[in-house]
Amino acid sequence: MKLLEERILKDGKVIGGDVLKVDSFINHQMDPALFREMALEWKRIFEGCGINKILTIEASGIGIAAVAGLEFGCPVVFAKKSKSSNTPEHSYSATVKSFTRGTVNDIYVSTKYLNPGDKILIIDDFMATGEAARGLTQLVKEAGAELIGIGIAVEKAFQPGGEELRSMGIRVESLARIKEMSEENGIVFVD
């Protein structure tokens, strides 16, 4: 998606060789107009697939997923990264490792919100190693729902996550795929 790529080039910042800071428009301060354009693109890509729920993981994916939910006309469910006193007794769970933070979290979704027969689109802001997407995929499978695909805003295509999921037969649609990036040479997108 040209609009997202242009915004990354304009406002993104590469830190080290593997972190892309986009906190001015995606994951700290959010640009709802950009999110809407992204949601419209995913709606076009997944047109006719019967998606009735969007699934994401807290926290950075929630804003993008919420706007996508408006465009798809369906609810958005987000996996929580920790149990609290109000975590339902009956929950689906998976363990995921955060690439950015280097932490391991158990994620949870109430069994009330993912059901057999649901047609799920997973939406998230980034994909590097694919851990979050695999964890969310596990929740969909555990619920007996159907995974239609995964929509990613920014995929680091030089890391294995996207290709591993695609090799498993999962449809992954990333709006900006980064081929390489460095502080010295900037960002190069996959053609």
Protein backbone atom coordinates (compact mmCIF):
# COMPACT_ATOMS: atom_id res chain seq x y z
CA MET A 1 0.00 0.00 0.00
CA LYS A 2 1.76 3.06 -1.30
CA LEU A 3 0.22 5.46 1.25
CA LEU A 4 1.54 3.45 4.20
CA GLU A 5 4.98 2.98 2.62
CA GLU A 6 5.25 6.73 2.03
CA ARG A 7 4.30 7.44 5.63
CA ILE A 8 6.88 4.95 6.91
CA LEU A 9 9.58 6.62 4.79
CA LYS A 10 8.52 10.08 5.96
CA ASP A 11 7.94 9.48 9.69
CA GLY A 12 9.42 6.06 10.54
CA LYS A 13 12.83 5.66 12.13
CA VAL A 14 15.08 2.61 12.01
CA ILE A 15 16.78 1.81 15.30
CA GLY A 16 19.61 -0.69 15.15
CA GLY A 17 18.88 -2.97 12.24
CA ASP A 18 15.69 -4.63 13.39
CA VAL A 19 13.42 -2.06 15.08
CA LEU A 20 11.22 0.32 13.11
CA LYS A 21 9.85 3.12 15.23
CA VAL A 22 6.47 4.28 13.92
CA ASP A 23 5.10 5.60 17.18
CA SER A 24 4.12 8.97 15.69
CA PHE A 25 1.36 7.40 13.57
CA ILE A 26 0.74 3.72 14.44
CA ASN A 27 1.51 2.59 17.95
CA HIS A 28 1.70 5.51 20.38
CA GLN A 29 0.08 8.38 18.57
CA MET A 30 -2.42 7.01 16.05
CA ASP A 31 -3.54 8.39 12.69
CA PRO A 32 -7.19 7.29 12.31
CA ALA A 33 -7.37 8.55 8.70
CA LEU A 34 -4.44 6.29 7.79
CA PHE A 35 -6.03 3.42 9.75
CA ARG A 36 -9.22 3.89 7.72
CA GLU A 37 -7.34 3.67 4.43
CA MET A 38 -5.62 0.52 5.68
CA ALA A 39 -8.97 -0.96 6.73
CA LEU A 40 -10.49 -0.17 3.33
CA GLU A 41 -7.58 -1.95 1.64
CA TRP A 42 -8.04 -5.09 3.78
CA LYS A 43 -11.78 -4.95 3.09
CA ARG A 44 -11.01 -4.88 -0.64
CA ILE A 45 -8.50 -7.74 -0.32
CA PHE A 46 -10.81 -9.95 1.75
CA GLU A 47 -14.03 -9.01 -0.08
CA GLY A 48 -16.57 -11.85 -0.18
CA CYS A 49 -14.86 -13.97 2.49
CA GLY A 50 -17.71 -13.64 5.01
CA ILE A 51 -15.58 -12.27 7.84
CA ASN A 52 -17.74 -11.79 10.94
CA LYS A 53 -15.07 -11.07 13.58
CA ILE A 54 -11.70 -9.43 13.75
CA LEU A 55 -9.14 -10.69 16.28
CA THR A 56 -6.07 -8.81 17.49
CA ILE A 57 -3.74 -8.72 20.47
CA GLU A 58 -3.31 -5.90 22.95
CA ALA A 59 -2.18 -3.24 22.74
CA SER A 60 -0.85 -1.75 19.49
CA GLY A 61 -3.15 -3.72 17.21
CA ILE A 62 -6.35 -2.55 18.89
CA GLY A 63 -6.64 0.85 17.19
CA ILE A 64 -6.08 -0.54 13.70
CA ALA A 65 -8.41 -3.48 14.34
CA ALA A 66 -11.17 -1.23 15.72
CA VAL A 67 -11.17 0.89 12.57
CA ALA A 68 -11.15 -2.29 10.46
CA GLY A 69 -14.13 -3.55 12.47
CA LEU A 70 -16.05 -0.41 11.47
CA GLU A 71 -15.29 -0.99 7.79
CA PHE A 72 -16.11 -4.72 7.94
CA GLY A 73 -19.20 -4.06 10.08
CA CYS A 74 -18.22 -6.64 12.69
CA PRO A 75 -17.03 -6.88 16.28
CA VAL A 76 -13.37 -6.76 17.24
CA VAL A 77 -12.01 -9.14 19.89
CA PHE A 78 -8.60 -8.60 21.44
CA ALA A 79 -6.49 -11.14 23.27
CA LYS A 80 -5.43 -9.92 26.68
CA LYS A 81 -1.79 -10.38 27.66
CA SER A 82 -2.38 -11.09 31.31
CA LYS A 83 -4.97 -12.62 33.58
CA SER A 84 -6.78 -10.34 35.96
CA SER A 85 -9.56 -10.74 38.47
CA ASN A 86 -12.10 -10.24 35.68
CA THR A 87 -10.56 -12.74 33.23
CA PRO A 88 -13.31 -15.24 32.49
CA GLU A 89 -12.86 -18.70 33.95
CA HIS A 90 -13.42 -20.19 30.51
CA SER A 91 -10.84 -18.75 28.13
CA TYR A 92 -8.81 -19.87 25.20
CA SER A 93 -5.10 -19.30 25.80
CA ALA A 94 -1.77 -19.39 24.01
CA THR A 95 1.80 -18.38 24.81
CA VAL A 96 3.54 -15.76 22.68
CA LYS A 97 6.92 -14.06 22.74
CA SER A 98 7.10 -10.38 21.87
CA PHE A 99 9.87 -9.64 19.36
CA THR A 100 10.09 -5.97 20.38
CA ARG A 101 9.95 -6.43 24.14
CA GLY A 102 11.59 -9.84 24.40
CA THR A 103 8.92 -10.92 26.89
CA VAL A 104 6.79 -14.05 26.96
CA ASN A 105 3.07 -13.67 27.69
CA ASP A 106 0.11 -15.96 27.97
CA ILE A 107 -2.74 -14.45 25.98
CA TYR A 108 -6.42 -15.00 26.70
CA VAL A 109 -9.78 -14.64 24.96
CA SER A 110 -13.08 -15.53 26.61
CA THR A 111 -14.87 -18.50 25.09
CA LYS A 112 -17.91 -16.19 24.78
CA TYR A 113 -16.25 -14.14 22.03
CA LEU A 114 -14.76 -16.76 19.68
CA ASN A 115 -17.15 -19.46 18.49
CA PRO A 116 -17.31 -22.39 16.09
CA GLY A 117 -18.51 -21.07 12.75
CA ASP A 118 -16.94 -17.63 13.19
CA LYS A 119 -14.93 -16.45 10.18
CA ILE A 120 -11.96 -14.64 11.66
CA LEU A 121 -9.59 -12.04 10.25
CA ILE A 122 -6.55 -11.43 12.43
CA ILE A 123 -5.26 -7.84 12.28
CA ASP A 124 -2.01 -6.58 13.82
CA ASP A 125 0.38 -3.69 13.42
CA PHE A 126 3.67 -5.59 12.91
CA MET A 127 4.95 -9.00 11.96
CA ALA A 128 8.56 -10.02 12.52
CA THR A 129 8.92 -13.60 13.74
CA GLY A 130 5.16 -14.24 13.61
CA GLU A 131 4.81 -15.23 17.26
CA ALA A 132 1.72 -13.08 17.94
CA ALA A 133 0.03 -14.26 14.74
CA ARG A 134 0.75 -17.91 15.58
CA GLY A 135 -0.66 -17.43 19.09
CA LEU A 136 -3.82 -15.80 17.73
CA THR A 137 -4.12 -18.55 15.12
CA GLN A 138 -3.98 -21.10 17.94
CA LEU A 139 -6.88 -19.34 19.70
CA VAL A 140 -8.96 -19.44 16.49
CA LYS A 141 -8.25 -23.15 16.09
CA GLU A 142 -9.03 -23.87 19.75
CA ALA A 143 -12.40 -22.12 19.32
CA GLY A 144 -13.27 -24.20 16.26
CA ALA A 145 -13.56 -21.00 14.22
CA GLU A 146 -12.30 -20.52 10.67
CA LEU A 147 -9.22 -18.39 10.06
CA ILE A 148 -9.83 -16.46 6.84
CA GLY A 149 -6.50 -14.67 6.92
CA ILE A 150 -4.12 -12.33 8.64
CA GLY A 151 -3.86 -8.62 7.85
CA ILE A 152 -0.60 -7.00 8.89
CA ALA A 153 0.18 -3.29 8.61
CA VAL A 154 3.99 -3.66 8.46
CA GLU A 155 5.77 -6.95 7.79
CA LYS A 156 9.51 -7.27 8.21
CA ALA A 157 9.88 -9.64 5.27
CA PHE A 158 13.57 -10.15 6.10
CA GLN A 159 12.43 -12.02 9.22
CA PRO A 160 10.75 -15.43 8.99
CA GLY A 161 7.23 -14.87 10.38
CA GLY A 162 5.26 -14.09 7.24
CA GLU A 163 6.84 -16.77 5.06
CA GLU A 164 6.48 -19.42 7.77
CA LEU A 165 2.76 -18.68 8.10
CA ARG A 166 2.30 -18.63 4.32
CA SER A 167 4.10 -21.98 4.05
CA MET A 168 1.49 -23.37 6.49
CA GLY A 169 -1.24 -22.37 4.00
CA ILE A 170 -2.32 -19.27 5.94
CA ARG A 171 -3.25 -16.23 3.89
CA VAL A 172 -1.12 -13.29 5.07
CA GLU A 173 -1.82 -9.88 3.54
CA SER A 174 0.67 -7.22 4.60
CA LEU A 175 0.17 -3.64 3.49
CA ALA A 176 3.87 -2.72 3.69
CA ARG A 177 6.54 -5.41 3.36
CA ILE A 178 10.05 -4.35 4.28
CA LYS A 179 12.80 -6.17 2.40
CA GLU A 180 15.67 -4.57 4.34
CA MET A 181 16.31 -1.67 6.65
CA SER A 182 19.20 -0.02 8.42
CA GLU A 183 20.00 3.29 10.04
CA GLU A 184 22.58 3.97 7.33
CA ASN A 185 20.65 2.90 4.21
CA GLY A 186 17.05 3.48 5.26
CA ILE A 187 14.16 1.23 4.27
CA VAL A 188 13.66 -0.85 1.13
CA PHE A 189 10.24 -2.35 0.46
CA VAL A 190 9.46 -5.63 -1.29
CA ASP A 191 8.25 -4.87 -4.84
